[in-house]
Amino acid sequence: MLGDVVPDAELWYKAGLACEINRLKVERNAVILGHNYMEPALFHSIPDFQGDSLELCRMAAETEKDIILFCGVRFMAETAKILNPSKTVLLPSMAGCSLAGSITAADVRKLKERFPGVPVVAYVNTYADVKAESDICCTSSNAASVVRSLEADAVIFLPDEFLARNVARETGNHIIFPTKDDLSGITFEPDHQLIGWQGRCEVHEKFTVEDIQNVRKQFPDVVILAHPECSPEVVDASDYSGSTSAMTQYVEQTDAPRYLLLTECAMADNIAAANPEKHMLRLCSVRCPHMNQITLEDTLTALQTTRHVIELPQDVIQRASRAVERMIAVS
């Protein structure tokens, strides 16, 4: 499967690591969850479940294994711990996230003081203490549905600026953006508005309309798929926008002559490996430096030594679990 994606010498080396990980996860009664952004040799060898944040949340909620090893970044492993407080949750490397780090629980409390009574939607790409201050979570695949489910005149939507703008257009809402330093100078009328935050994913903010135009000049028949964390202008210039799983399904089910994915580049490699008959353009050079920290070597060490155990305060787990479980129920 990976013969055209990963160099042969690297495959032989990583196959040995994967074999030992798969042996050890049975011995330790562990389940391995692999996010779509994992590098191909890991993604296609050791996870019991693969998918986007929402799918992996569901798998985490349903597992009966003693150990959950999450091949993703820290906020994902925290979500697994929120849903399984009695289980051991491991992370191969304590990888962070630029988007999750763009907002704090204190920021959310200030927003709630400024806009009392307005429900808070936290993107799942946030840390546990931010989720604990929120009413409900969402993913990129269900964000608009979650906003609609609240049936509120105004909603605080955190923290991704571009996802908020895309959701506002999809739901017909106006949108305003308070700043961290000044929450008092915002004119606010509770009339079908989203109150956003100016956080961004350092990967998706790099894609531009010019990128799309240049690709179409060379490959006029290309179908371009963009993640909703891209800017509204990039989403408009693309042919399709959806979550990582939605983009995967699009490629699997349609018959376009060639594809380009505007998202973390390892995912395109994973789709290309699973769909060798599809023509995937390899023009992406944007790797997430945080996702890239998750390696087979560190995954093996995590299982061998029970390293990077995710621990959260009980009150945070209790409050955050309500927001996460409401998201799963809406989904």
Protein backbone atom coordinates (compact mmCIF):
# COMPACT_ATOMS: atom_id res chain seq x y z
CA MET A 1 0.00 0.00 0.00
CA LEU A 2 2.77 2.46 0.89
CA GLY A 3 5.23 1.40 -1.80
CA ASP A 4 4.63 4.55 -3.83
CA VAL A 5 4.40 6.81 -0.79
CA VAL A 6 7.21 5.89 1.62
CA PRO A 7 10.83 4.95 0.67
CA ASP A 8 11.49 1.22 0.87
CA ALA A 9 14.23 1.40 3.50
CA GLU A 10 12.02 3.52 5.73
CA LEU A 11 9.16 1.05 5.30
CA TRP A 12 11.26 -1.91 6.43
CA TYR A 13 12.44 -0.03 9.52
CA LYS A 14 8.97 1.22 10.45
CA ALA A 15 7.38 -2.17 9.82
CA GLY A 16 9.47 -3.57 12.64
CA LEU A 17 8.28 -0.85 15.00
CA ALA A 18 4.66 -1.36 13.96
CA CYS A 19 4.92 -5.11 14.52
CA GLU A 20 6.15 -4.62 18.08
CA ILE A 21 3.48 -1.98 18.81
CA ASN A 22 0.72 -4.28 17.57
CA ARG A 23 2.05 -7.12 19.73
CA LEU A 24 2.31 -4.92 22.79
CA LYS A 25 -1.13 -3.32 22.46
CA VAL A 26 -2.70 -6.79 22.67
CA GLU A 27 -0.56 -7.67 25.67
CA ARG A 28 -1.53 -4.46 27.47
CA ASN A 29 -5.20 -4.49 26.39
CA ALA A 30 -4.83 -1.14 24.66
CA VAL A 31 -6.75 0.50 21.82
CA ILE A 32 -4.91 2.84 19.44
CA LEU A 33 -6.73 5.77 17.87
CA GLY A 34 -5.13 7.35 14.80
CA HIS A 35 -6.08 10.80 13.54
CA ASN A 36 -6.22 11.39 9.78
CA TYR A 37 -3.14 13.63 10.02
CA MET A 38 -0.78 10.89 11.15
CA GLU A 39 2.11 10.05 8.85
CA PRO A 40 1.35 7.14 6.47
CA ALA A 41 3.55 4.44 8.01
CA LEU A 42 1.84 4.97 11.36
CA PHE A 43 -1.67 5.63 10.05
CA HIS A 44 -1.86 2.45 7.96
CA SER A 45 -0.23 0.05 10.42
CA ILE A 46 -1.18 0.37 14.10
CA PRO A 47 -4.50 2.21 14.75
CA ASP A 48 -7.55 0.15 15.62
CA PHE A 49 -9.66 3.13 14.56
CA GLN A 50 -8.84 5.95 12.17
CA GLY A 51 -10.76 9.13 11.53
CA ASP A 52 -11.38 12.76 12.37
CA SER A 53 -11.92 14.19 15.84
CA LEU A 54 -15.63 13.34 15.95
CA GLU A 55 -15.21 9.72 14.87
CA LEU A 56 -12.39 9.16 17.33
CA CYS A 57 -14.42 10.77 20.13
CA ARG A 58 -17.11 8.20 19.46
CA MET A 59 -14.61 5.34 19.49
CA ALA A 60 -13.09 6.62 22.72
CA ALA A 61 -16.53 6.76 24.34
CA GLU A 62 -17.30 3.16 23.38
CA THR A 63 -14.03 1.34 24.05
CA GLU A 64 -13.75 -1.33 26.72
CA LYS A 65 -9.95 -1.48 26.62
CA ASP A 66 -7.89 -0.61 29.69
CA ILE A 67 -5.58 1.79 27.85
CA ILE A 68 -6.37 4.37 25.17
CA LEU A 69 -3.32 5.40 23.18
CA PHE A 70 -4.17 8.46 21.11
CA CYS A 71 -2.02 9.18 18.07
CA GLY A 72 -2.90 12.85 17.76
CA VAL A 73 -2.28 16.04 19.69
CA ARG A 74 -2.93 16.80 23.35
CA PHE A 75 -6.45 18.23 23.12
CA MET A 76 -7.57 14.99 21.41
CA ALA A 77 -6.15 12.82 24.16
CA GLU A 78 -7.77 15.10 26.75
CA THR A 79 -11.12 14.56 25.03
CA ALA A 80 -10.62 10.81 25.28
CA LYS A 81 -9.88 11.20 29.00
CA ILE A 82 -13.00 13.34 29.47
CA LEU A 83 -15.10 10.54 27.99
CA ASN A 84 -13.22 7.77 29.86
CA PRO A 85 -12.13 9.22 33.22
CA SER A 86 -11.42 5.81 34.74
CA LYS A 87 -9.15 4.63 31.92
CA THR A 88 -5.47 5.26 31.29
CA VAL A 89 -5.06 7.62 28.33
CA LEU A 90 -1.60 7.92 26.77
CA LEU A 91 -0.12 10.36 24.27
CA PRO A 92 3.10 9.40 22.42
CA SER A 93 4.38 12.99 22.62
CA MET A 94 2.93 15.98 24.46
CA ALA A 95 2.21 17.72 21.17
CA GLY A 96 0.29 20.96 21.39
CA CYS A 97 -1.82 22.87 18.86
CA SER A 98 -1.63 26.49 17.72
CA LEU A 99 -5.41 26.74 17.53
CA ALA A 100 -6.09 25.16 20.94
CA GLY A 101 -3.44 27.45 22.42
CA SER A 102 -5.12 30.58 21.05
CA ILE A 103 -7.70 30.75 23.85
CA THR A 104 -7.77 30.09 27.59
CA ALA A 105 -10.48 29.31 30.10
CA ALA A 106 -10.01 32.84 31.49
CA ASP A 107 -10.74 34.26 28.04
CA VAL A 108 -14.00 32.31 27.91
CA ARG A 109 -15.04 33.52 31.34
CA LYS A 110 -14.45 37.13 30.26
CA LEU A 111 -16.57 36.58 27.16
CA LYS A 112 -19.40 35.13 29.25
CA GLU A 113 -19.25 38.16 31.54
CA ARG A 114 -19.42 40.50 28.56
CA PHE A 115 -22.25 38.55 26.88
CA PRO A 116 -24.29 37.06 29.76
CA GLY A 117 -26.69 34.27 28.92
CA VAL A 118 -25.22 33.67 25.44
CA PRO A 119 -24.43 29.94 24.92
CA VAL A 120 -20.81 29.00 24.21
CA VAL A 121 -19.81 26.56 21.48
CA ALA A 122 -16.22 25.32 21.79
CA TYR A 123 -14.57 23.72 18.79
CA VAL A 124 -13.23 20.33 19.82
CA ASN A 125 -9.76 21.74 19.00
CA THR A 126 -9.56 23.30 22.48
CA TYR A 127 -8.08 22.21 25.77
CA ALA A 128 -10.18 20.61 28.48
CA ASP A 129 -10.47 23.69 30.70
CA VAL A 130 -11.93 25.67 27.77
CA LYS A 131 -14.42 22.88 27.08
CA ALA A 132 -15.36 22.98 30.76
CA GLU A 133 -16.40 26.64 30.40
CA SER A 134 -18.56 25.85 27.35
CA ASP A 135 -22.13 24.67 26.84
CA ILE A 136 -21.43 22.35 23.91
CA CYS A 137 -18.55 21.30 21.69
CA CYS A 138 -18.44 20.85 17.94
CA THR A 139 -16.18 19.56 15.19
CA SER A 140 -15.66 20.94 11.71
CA SER A 141 -18.16 18.39 10.39
CA ASN A 142 -21.02 19.32 12.72
CA ALA A 143 -20.33 22.95 13.64
CA ALA A 144 -23.30 24.41 11.74
CA SER A 145 -25.63 21.71 13.08
CA VAL A 146 -24.51 22.42 16.64
CA VAL A 147 -25.10 26.17 16.23
CA ARG A 148 -28.58 25.54 14.79
CA SER A 149 -29.41 23.06 17.57
CA LEU A 150 -29.10 25.81 20.19
CA GLU A 151 -31.93 27.83 18.60
CA ALA A 152 -30.41 30.96 20.15
CA ASP A 153 -30.41 34.53 18.86
CA ALA A 154 -26.67 34.75 19.54
CA VAL A 155 -23.91 32.18 20.04
CA ILE A 156 -20.30 32.51 21.20
CA PHE A 157 -18.26 30.32 18.82
CA LEU A 158 -14.63 29.57 19.77
CA PRO A 159 -11.79 29.76 18.87
CA ASP A 160 -11.22 29.35 15.09
CA GLU A 161 -11.80 32.60 13.21
CA PHE A 162 -12.11 31.05 9.75
CA LEU A 163 -14.37 28.18 10.83
CA ALA A 164 -16.57 30.75 12.60
CA ARG A 165 -16.80 32.86 9.45
CA ASN A 166 -17.67 29.80 7.36
CA VAL A 167 -20.31 28.68 9.87
CA ALA A 168 -21.78 32.19 10.00
CA ARG A 169 -22.29 32.16 6.25
CA GLU A 170 -23.77 28.65 6.31
CA THR A 171 -26.22 29.50 9.10
CA GLY A 172 -27.06 33.01 7.92
CA ASN A 173 -25.60 34.72 10.98
CA HIS A 174 -23.77 38.00 11.32
CA ILE A 175 -20.44 37.72 13.10
CA ILE A 176 -18.40 39.96 15.40
CA PHE A 177 -14.90 39.47 16.83
CA PRO A 178 -14.05 40.82 20.27
CA THR A 179 -10.34 41.09 21.04
CA LYS A 180 -8.53 39.67 24.03
CA ASP A 181 -7.68 43.15 25.29
CA ASP A 182 -11.01 44.89 24.82
CA LEU A 183 -14.31 43.14 25.35
CA SER A 184 -16.15 46.32 26.27
CA GLY A 185 -16.08 48.24 23.00
CA ILE A 186 -18.11 45.77 20.96
CA THR A 187 -21.50 46.83 19.66
CA PHE A 188 -23.73 43.83 20.17
CA GLU A 189 -27.32 43.23 19.19
CA PRO A 190 -28.57 39.71 19.99
CA ASP A 191 -30.07 39.21 16.55
CA HIS A 192 -28.80 36.00 14.96
CA GLN A 193 -25.15 36.76 15.59
CA LEU A 194 -22.04 34.71 16.15
CA ILE A 195 -19.44 36.06 18.52
CA GLY A 196 -16.13 34.70 17.31
CA TRP A 197 -12.51 34.61 18.43
CA GLN A 198 -9.40 35.35 16.39
CA GLY A 199 -7.63 32.02 16.72
CA ARG A 200 -6.27 30.23 13.66
CA CYS A 201 -4.72 26.91 12.68
CA GLU A 202 -1.15 27.58 11.59
CA VAL A 203 -1.55 25.03 8.79
CA HIS A 204 -4.86 26.03 7.23
CA GLU A 205 -4.25 29.77 7.37
CA LYS A 206 -1.33 29.30 4.95
CA PHE A 207 -3.49 28.30 1.98
CA THR A 208 -4.41 31.18 -0.33
CA VAL A 209 -6.63 31.85 -3.32
CA GLU A 210 -3.46 32.44 -5.32
CA ASP A 211 -2.40 28.87 -4.54
CA ILE A 212 -5.66 27.62 -6.02
CA GLN A 213 -5.39 29.81 -9.11
CA ASN A 214 -1.85 28.63 -9.80
CA VAL A 215 -2.85 24.97 -9.49
CA ARG A 216 -5.84 25.42 -11.81
CA LYS A 217 -3.61 27.02 -14.46
CA GLN A 218 -1.48 23.89 -14.57
CA PHE A 219 -4.25 21.34 -13.90
CA PRO A 220 -7.58 22.83 -15.09
CA ASP A 221 -9.45 19.56 -14.42
CA VAL A 222 -8.41 19.32 -10.76
CA VAL A 223 -11.03 19.07 -7.99
CA ILE A 224 -9.87 21.08 -4.97
CA LEU A 225 -11.07 20.15 -1.48
CA ALA A 226 -10.58 22.60 1.40
CA HIS A 227 -10.90 22.14 5.14
CA PRO A 228 -13.37 24.55 6.87
CA GLU A 229 -10.46 25.96 8.89
CA CYS A 230 -9.28 27.60 5.65
CA SER A 231 -10.36 31.18 5.01
CA PRO A 232 -13.82 31.79 3.49
CA GLU A 233 -12.10 33.08 0.35
CA VAL A 234 -10.19 29.80 -0.05
CA VAL A 235 -13.35 27.79 0.65
CA ASP A 236 -15.21 29.81 -2.01
CA ALA A 237 -12.47 29.22 -4.57
CA SER A 238 -12.46 25.45 -3.89
CA ASP A 239 -14.86 22.85 -5.25
CA TYR A 240 -15.74 21.26 -1.90
CA SER A 241 -15.23 21.97 1.79
CA GLY A 242 -15.58 19.44 4.57
CA SER A 243 -13.98 17.73 7.54
CA THR A 244 -11.08 15.37 7.05
CA SER A 245 -13.43 12.38 6.99
CA ALA A 246 -15.81 14.13 4.60
CA MET A 247 -12.93 14.85 2.23
CA THR A 248 -11.83 11.22 2.43
CA GLN A 249 -15.34 10.05 1.54
CA TYR A 250 -15.53 12.56 -1.32
CA VAL A 251 -12.38 11.14 -2.91
CA GLU A 252 -13.55 7.56 -2.40
CA GLN A 253 -17.00 8.08 -3.88
CA THR A 254 -16.45 10.43 -6.83
CA ASP A 255 -14.61 9.98 -10.08
CA ALA A 256 -12.88 13.27 -10.81
CA PRO A 257 -9.70 13.06 -12.94
CA ARG A 258 -7.46 14.44 -10.16
CA TYR A 259 -7.65 15.87 -6.63
CA LEU A 260 -5.86 18.35 -4.41
CA LEU A 261 -6.50 18.58 -0.67
CA LEU A 262 -5.96 21.86 1.15
CA THR A 263 -5.26 20.48 4.60
CA GLU A 264 -2.42 18.85 6.51
CA CYS A 265 -0.31 17.09 3.90
CA ALA A 266 0.10 13.69 5.55
CA MET A 267 -3.62 13.16 5.07
CA ALA A 268 -3.29 13.40 1.29
CA ASP A 269 -0.58 10.73 1.44
CA ASN A 270 -2.87 8.51 3.52
CA ILE A 271 -5.74 8.87 1.05
CA ALA A 272 -3.42 8.29 -1.90
CA ALA A 273 -2.12 5.10 -0.32
CA ALA A 274 -5.65 3.80 0.31
CA ASN A 275 -6.89 4.78 -3.16
CA PRO A 276 -4.07 3.98 -5.62
CA GLU A 277 -6.43 4.27 -8.60
CA LYS A 278 -7.12 7.93 -7.76
CA HIS A 279 -4.87 10.72 -9.05
CA MET A 280 -3.86 12.82 -6.05
CA LEU A 281 -1.74 15.90 -6.75
CA ARG A 282 1.32 15.98 -4.47
CA LEU A 283 1.66 19.76 -4.39
CA CYS A 284 1.17 20.30 -0.67
CA SER A 285 4.17 21.10 1.51
CA VAL A 286 2.34 22.13 4.71
CA ARG A 287 2.97 19.73 7.59
CA CYS A 288 1.64 20.40 11.07
CA PRO A 289 4.71 20.62 13.33
CA HIS A 290 2.62 19.31 16.24
CA MET A 291 1.08 16.29 14.50
CA ASN A 292 4.54 15.55 13.12
CA GLN A 293 5.77 14.95 16.67
CA ILE A 294 3.74 11.74 16.87
CA THR A 295 6.05 8.95 15.70
CA LEU A 296 6.09 5.17 15.76
CA GLU A 297 9.14 5.31 18.01
CA ASP A 298 7.38 7.42 20.63
CA THR A 299 4.21 5.35 20.32
CA LEU A 300 6.18 2.22 21.13
CA THR A 301 7.87 3.92 24.09
CA ALA A 302 4.50 5.12 25.39
CA LEU A 303 3.21 1.54 25.48
CA GLN A 304 6.41 0.14 26.95
CA THR A 305 6.71 2.68 29.75
CA THR A 306 3.16 4.07 30.18
CA ARG A 307 4.55 7.47 29.23
CA HIS A 308 2.67 10.78 28.90
CA VAL A 309 -0.40 9.84 30.93
CA ILE A 310 -3.21 12.38 30.51
CA GLU A 311 -4.47 13.63 33.88
CA LEU A 312 -7.23 16.20 34.35
CA PRO A 313 -8.90 17.67 37.47
CA GLN A 314 -12.14 15.90 38.31
CA ASP A 315 -14.22 19.08 38.19
CA VAL A 316 -12.87 19.89 34.71
CA ILE A 317 -13.74 16.39 33.53
CA GLN A 318 -17.27 16.65 34.89
CA ARG A 319 -18.00 20.04 33.33
CA ALA A 320 -16.25 19.32 30.02
CA SER A 321 -17.96 15.94 29.64
CA ARG A 322 -21.36 17.62 29.45
CA ALA A 323 -20.21 19.75 26.51
CA VAL A 324 -18.61 16.83 24.69
CA GLU A 325 -21.53 14.44 25.27
CA ARG A 326 -23.99 17.08 24.02
CA MET A 327 -21.91 17.35 20.84
CA ILE A 328 -22.00 13.59 20.31
CA ALA A 329 -25.76 13.56 20.90
CA VAL A 330 -26.34 16.28 18.27
CA SER A 331 -24.13 14.36 15.83
